[in-house]
Amino acid sequence: MTECAWTDGESEFTFEEVMKDVRSYDGSVFIGADSQLHSSRRIFTRVICLYNEERKKGGRYYYQRISLSGPEFNNLMTQLSEETDKALELAMSIQEYNPHVKIEIHLDCSPAESGHQSSRYADMLQGWVTSLGFDCKIKPDGWAACSVADRHSK
């Protein structure tokens, strides 16, 4: 696995530096992950979005791209499971630094009733996330994965 530093698009940060920002932020933390196939490698992007829903103003995010190779990611279920695992891993790491922060995980899958390919895995993935104590949103409400992470995985 090849990992890069966290970035806000302008500067690079260590995870510890991002955690200092999370600790001092007055708002919620939204986690998302998405991936795209690039040649023979799959690029997974994880995002940490900081946003105060009550003020509905401002916000910022950090992202990290992780490159993995392997044919197992050609399977949609494996790909979505890996994206979910990366989001959960990140959420649990954030909780270690700040056990009181409110974290919501966003997944890039469609609702079960939508009929899209990813929709058949929606209940399973949401159940996985909520069983670990996190709030979970999917399309169209899972903006951290569907918009922010998607943008940086391409």
C-alpha atoms as a PDB file:
ATOM      1  CA  MET A   1       0.000   0.000   0.000  1.00  0.00           C
ATOM      2  CA  THR A   2       1.349   3.406  -0.967  1.00  0.00           C
ATOM      3  CA  GLU A   3       0.086   6.276   1.176  1.00  0.00           C
ATOM      4  CA  CYS A   4       0.660   9.966   0.783  1.00  0.00           C
ATOM      5  CA  ALA A   5       0.322  12.724   3.316  1.00  0.00           C
ATOM      6  CA  TRP A   6      -2.970  14.440   3.948  1.00  0.00           C
ATOM      7  CA  THR A   7      -3.628  17.572   1.935  1.00  0.00           C
ATOM      8  CA  ASP A   8      -6.135  20.374   1.707  1.00  0.00           C
ATOM      9  CA  GLY A   9      -5.226  20.902  -1.939  1.00  0.00           C
ATOM     10  CA  GLU A  10      -2.547  23.469  -1.151  1.00  0.00           C
ATOM     11  CA  SER A  11      -0.360  22.091   1.641  1.00  0.00           C
ATOM     12  CA  GLU A  12       0.533  18.669   2.997  1.00  0.00           C
ATOM     13  CA  PHE A  13      -0.113  17.626   6.585  1.00  0.00           C
ATOM     14  CA  THR A  14       0.618  14.696   8.835  1.00  0.00           C
ATOM     15  CA  PHE A  15      -2.329  12.878  10.366  1.00  0.00           C
ATOM     16  CA  GLU A  16      -1.395  14.375  13.741  1.00  0.00           C
ATOM     17  CA  GLU A  17      -1.576  17.910  12.289  1.00  0.00           C
ATOM     18  CA  VAL A  18      -5.027  17.186  10.859  1.00  0.00           C
ATOM     19  CA  MET A  19      -6.097  15.806  14.243  1.00  0.00           C
ATOM     20  CA  LYS A  20      -5.059  19.072  15.936  1.00  0.00           C
ATOM     21  CA  ASP A  21      -7.414  20.883  13.562  1.00  0.00           C
ATOM     22  CA  VAL A  22     -10.200  18.367  14.234  1.00  0.00           C
ATOM     23  CA  ARG A  23      -9.779  18.786  18.005  1.00  0.00           C
ATOM     24  CA  SER A  24     -10.027  22.565  17.799  1.00  0.00           C
ATOM     25  CA  TYR A  25     -12.942  22.591  15.332  1.00  0.00           C
ATOM     26  CA  ASP A  26     -16.408  23.519  16.576  1.00  0.00           C
ATOM     27  CA  GLY A  27     -18.549  21.271  14.415  1.00  0.00           C
ATOM     28  CA  SER A  28     -19.019  17.770  13.079  1.00  0.00           C
ATOM     29  CA  VAL A  29     -16.622  15.492  11.252  1.00  0.00           C
ATOM     30  CA  PHE A  30     -17.801  13.808   8.073  1.00  0.00           C
ATOM     31  CA  ILE A  31     -15.786  10.924   6.649  1.00  0.00           C
ATOM     32  CA  GLY A  32     -16.033   9.694   3.087  1.00  0.00           C
ATOM     33  CA  ALA A  33     -14.168   7.368   0.754  1.00  0.00           C
ATOM     34  CA  ASP A  34     -14.333   6.636  -2.949  1.00  0.00           C
ATOM     35  CA  SER A  35     -12.130   4.924  -5.503  1.00  0.00           C
ATOM     36  CA  GLN A  36     -11.388   4.923  -9.198  1.00  0.00           C
ATOM     37  CA  LEU A  37      -9.441   2.556 -11.406  1.00  0.00           C
ATOM     38  CA  HIS A  38      -6.319   4.135 -12.922  1.00  0.00           C
ATOM     39  CA  SER A  39      -4.596   1.769 -15.339  1.00  0.00           C
ATOM     40  CA  SER A  40      -3.818  -1.331 -13.239  1.00  0.00           C
ATOM     41  CA  ARG A  41      -4.124   0.396  -9.860  1.00  0.00           C
ATOM     42  CA  ARG A  42      -7.142   1.462  -7.848  1.00  0.00           C
ATOM     43  CA  ILE A  43      -6.863   4.852  -6.179  1.00  0.00           C
ATOM     44  CA  PHE A  44      -8.788   5.087  -2.912  1.00  0.00           C
ATOM     45  CA  THR A  45      -9.423   8.572  -1.599  1.00  0.00           C
ATOM     46  CA  ARG A  46     -10.351   9.192   2.029  1.00  0.00           C
ATOM     47  CA  VAL A  47     -11.664  12.572   3.163  1.00  0.00           C
ATOM     48  CA  ILE A  48     -12.104  14.283   6.498  1.00  0.00           C
ATOM     49  CA  CYS A  49     -14.637  17.106   6.154  1.00  0.00           C
ATOM     50  CA  LEU A  50     -15.165  19.615   8.949  1.00  0.00           C
ATOM     51  CA  TYR A  51     -18.490  21.426   8.875  1.00  0.00           C
ATOM     52  CA  ASN A  52     -20.753  23.090  11.428  1.00  0.00           C
ATOM     53  CA  GLU A  53     -24.300  22.340  10.292  1.00  0.00           C
ATOM     54  CA  GLU A  54     -25.857  24.835  12.697  1.00  0.00           C
ATOM     55  CA  ARG A  55     -23.920  27.784  11.284  1.00  0.00           C
ATOM     56  CA  LYS A  56     -24.203  26.465   7.704  1.00  0.00           C
ATOM     57  CA  LYS A  57     -21.209  28.556   6.835  1.00  0.00           C
ATOM     58  CA  GLY A  58     -17.693  27.691   5.830  1.00  0.00           C
ATOM     59  CA  GLY A  59     -16.085  24.342   6.296  1.00  0.00           C
ATOM     60  CA  ARG A  60     -12.907  22.673   5.144  1.00  0.00           C
ATOM     61  CA  TYR A  61     -11.599  19.255   4.280  1.00  0.00           C
ATOM     62  CA  TYR A  62      -8.474  17.156   3.985  1.00  0.00           C
ATOM     63  CA  TYR A  63      -7.948  14.200   1.718  1.00  0.00           C
ATOM     64  CA  GLN A  64      -5.533  11.340   1.257  1.00  0.00           C
ATOM     65  CA  ARG A  65      -5.043   9.138  -1.796  1.00  0.00           C
ATOM     66  CA  ILE A  66      -4.014   5.505  -1.381  1.00  0.00           C
ATOM     67  CA  SER A  67      -2.932   3.379  -4.332  1.00  0.00           C
ATOM     68  CA  LEU A  68      -3.614  -0.376  -4.301  1.00  0.00           C
ATOM     69  CA  SER A  69      -3.177  -2.962  -7.002  1.00  0.00           C
ATOM     70  CA  GLY A  70      -4.947  -6.214  -7.439  1.00  0.00           C
ATOM     71  CA  PRO A  71      -7.680  -7.770  -9.521  1.00  0.00           C
ATOM     72  CA  GLU A  72      -9.942  -8.208  -6.470  1.00  0.00           C
ATOM     73  CA  PHE A  73     -10.999  -4.583  -6.758  1.00  0.00           C
ATOM     74  CA  ASN A  74     -12.655  -5.262 -10.117  1.00  0.00           C
ATOM     75  CA  ASN A  75     -15.576  -6.726  -8.147  1.00  0.00           C
ATOM     76  CA  LEU A  76     -18.071  -4.034  -7.047  1.00  0.00           C
ATOM     77  CA  MET A  77     -18.784  -5.614  -3.673  1.00  0.00           C
ATOM     78  CA  THR A  78     -15.076  -5.829  -2.854  1.00  0.00           C
ATOM     79  CA  GLN A  79     -14.520  -2.259  -4.013  1.00  0.00           C
ATOM     80  CA  LEU A  80     -17.400  -0.874  -1.905  1.00  0.00           C
ATOM     81  CA  SER A  81     -16.351  -2.974   1.083  1.00  0.00           C
ATOM     82  CA  GLU A  82     -12.799  -1.632   0.838  1.00  0.00           C
ATOM     83  CA  GLU A  83     -14.073   1.961   0.595  1.00  0.00           C
ATOM     84  CA  THR A  84     -16.236   1.382   3.674  1.00  0.00           C
ATOM     85  CA  ASP A  85     -13.366  -0.266   5.531  1.00  0.00           C
ATOM     86  CA  LYS A  86     -11.074   2.683   4.779  1.00  0.00           C
ATOM     87  CA  ALA A  87     -13.728   5.125   6.031  1.00  0.00           C
ATOM     88  CA  LEU A  88     -14.294   3.113   9.217  1.00  0.00           C
ATOM     89  CA  GLU A  89     -10.569   2.744   9.857  1.00  0.00           C
ATOM     90  CA  LEU A  90     -10.208   6.516   9.573  1.00  0.00           C
ATOM     91  CA  ALA A  91     -13.214   7.213  11.815  1.00  0.00           C
ATOM     92  CA  MET A  92     -11.847   4.905  14.521  1.00  0.00           C
ATOM     93  CA  SER A  93      -8.436   6.578  14.311  1.00  0.00           C
ATOM     94  CA  ILE A  94     -10.070   9.990  14.736  1.00  0.00           C
ATOM     95  CA  GLN A  95     -12.007   8.699  17.758  1.00  0.00           C
ATOM     96  CA  GLU A  96      -8.726   7.652  19.373  1.00  0.00           C
ATOM     97  CA  TYR A  97      -7.529  11.267  19.152  1.00  0.00           C
ATOM     98  CA  ASN A  98     -10.859  12.810  20.124  1.00  0.00           C
ATOM     99  CA  PRO A  99     -13.353  10.401  21.697  1.00  0.00           C
ATOM    100  CA  HIS A 100     -16.087  13.064  21.960  1.00  0.00           C
ATOM    101  CA  VAL A 101     -16.179  14.237  18.348  1.00  0.00           C
ATOM    102  CA  LYS A 102     -19.369  13.580  16.386  1.00  0.00           C
ATOM    103  CA  ILE A 103     -18.476  11.539  13.295  1.00  0.00           C
ATOM    104  CA  GLU A 104     -20.769  10.741  10.402  1.00  0.00           C
ATOM    105  CA  ILE A 105     -19.635   8.349   7.669  1.00  0.00           C
ATOM    106  CA  HIS A 106     -20.764   8.860   4.087  1.00  0.00           C
ATOM    107  CA  LEU A 107     -20.766   5.965   1.621  1.00  0.00           C
ATOM    108  CA  ASP A 108     -20.801   6.090  -2.162  1.00  0.00           C
ATOM    109  CA  CYS A 109     -23.651   3.642  -2.707  1.00  0.00           C
ATOM    110  CA  SER A 110     -27.236   4.049  -3.816  1.00  0.00           C
ATOM    111  CA  PRO A 111     -30.298   3.356  -1.660  1.00  0.00           C
ATOM    112  CA  ALA A 112     -31.567  -0.229  -1.694  1.00  0.00           C
ATOM    113  CA  GLU A 113     -34.750   0.680  -3.573  1.00  0.00           C
ATOM    114  CA  SER A 114     -33.000   2.632  -6.364  1.00  0.00           C
ATOM    115  CA  GLY A 115     -32.116  -0.340  -8.537  1.00  0.00           C
ATOM    116  CA  HIS A 116     -28.514   0.780  -9.189  1.00  0.00           C
ATOM    117  CA  GLN A 117     -25.689  -1.756  -9.089  1.00  0.00           C
ATOM    118  CA  SER A 118     -24.415  -0.534  -5.724  1.00  0.00           C
ATOM    119  CA  SER A 119     -27.907  -0.518  -4.193  1.00  0.00           C
ATOM    120  CA  ARG A 120     -27.876  -4.252  -3.454  1.00  0.00           C
ATOM    121  CA  TYR A 121     -25.046  -3.639  -0.957  1.00  0.00           C
ATOM    122  CA  ALA A 122     -26.513  -0.524   0.713  1.00  0.00           C
ATOM    123  CA  ASP A 123     -28.171  -2.258   3.675  1.00  0.00           C
ATOM    124  CA  MET A 124     -25.127  -4.422   4.374  1.00  0.00           C
ATOM    125  CA  LEU A 125     -22.699  -1.485   4.293  1.00  0.00           C
ATOM    126  CA  GLN A 126     -24.929   0.808   6.343  1.00  0.00           C
ATOM    127  CA  GLY A 127     -25.418  -1.970   8.888  1.00  0.00           C
ATOM    128  CA  TRP A 128     -21.663  -2.435   9.161  1.00  0.00           C
ATOM    129  CA  VAL A 129     -21.117   1.272   9.835  1.00  0.00           C
ATOM    130  CA  THR A 130     -23.974   1.683  12.312  1.00  0.00           C
ATOM    131  CA  SER A 131     -23.028  -1.518  14.159  1.00  0.00           C
ATOM    132  CA  LEU A 132     -19.775   0.236  15.069  1.00  0.00           C
ATOM    133  CA  GLY A 133     -21.662   3.209  16.479  1.00  0.00           C
ATOM    134  CA  PHE A 134     -21.328   5.720  13.647  1.00  0.00           C
ATOM    135  CA  ASP A 135     -24.067   7.605  11.865  1.00  0.00           C
ATOM    136  CA  CYS A 136     -24.168   6.727   8.162  1.00  0.00           C
ATOM    137  CA  LYS A 137     -25.478   8.440   5.037  1.00  0.00           C
ATOM    138  CA  ILE A 138     -25.607   7.183   1.458  1.00  0.00           C
ATOM    139  CA  LYS A 139     -26.627   8.782  -1.839  1.00  0.00           C
ATOM    140  CA  PRO A 140     -27.998  11.351  -2.253  1.00  0.00           C
ATOM    141  CA  ASP A 141     -27.085  12.554   1.263  1.00  0.00           C
ATOM    142  CA  GLY A 142     -23.575  11.071   1.485  1.00  0.00           C
ATOM    143  CA  TRP A 143     -21.848  14.132   0.047  1.00  0.00           C
ATOM    144  CA  ALA A 144     -18.434  13.511   1.674  1.00  0.00           C
ATOM    145  CA  ALA A 145     -18.056  10.328  -0.395  1.00  0.00           C
ATOM    146  CA  CYS A 146     -20.202  11.067  -3.447  1.00  0.00           C
ATOM    147  CA  SER A 147     -18.863  14.568  -4.071  1.00  0.00           C
ATOM    148  CA  VAL A 148     -15.681  15.361  -2.147  1.00  0.00           C
ATOM    149  CA  ALA A 149     -13.910  11.979  -2.236  1.00  0.00           C
ATOM    150  CA  ASP A 150     -15.193  11.305  -5.755  1.00  0.00           C
ATOM    151  CA  ARG A 151     -13.649  14.544  -6.993  1.00  0.00           C
ATOM    152  CA  HIS A 152     -10.203  13.642  -5.667  1.00  0.00           C
ATOM    153  CA  SER A 153     -10.205   9.980  -6.685  1.00  0.00           C
ATOM    154  CA  LYS A 154     -10.243  10.803 -10.412  1.00  0.00           C
END
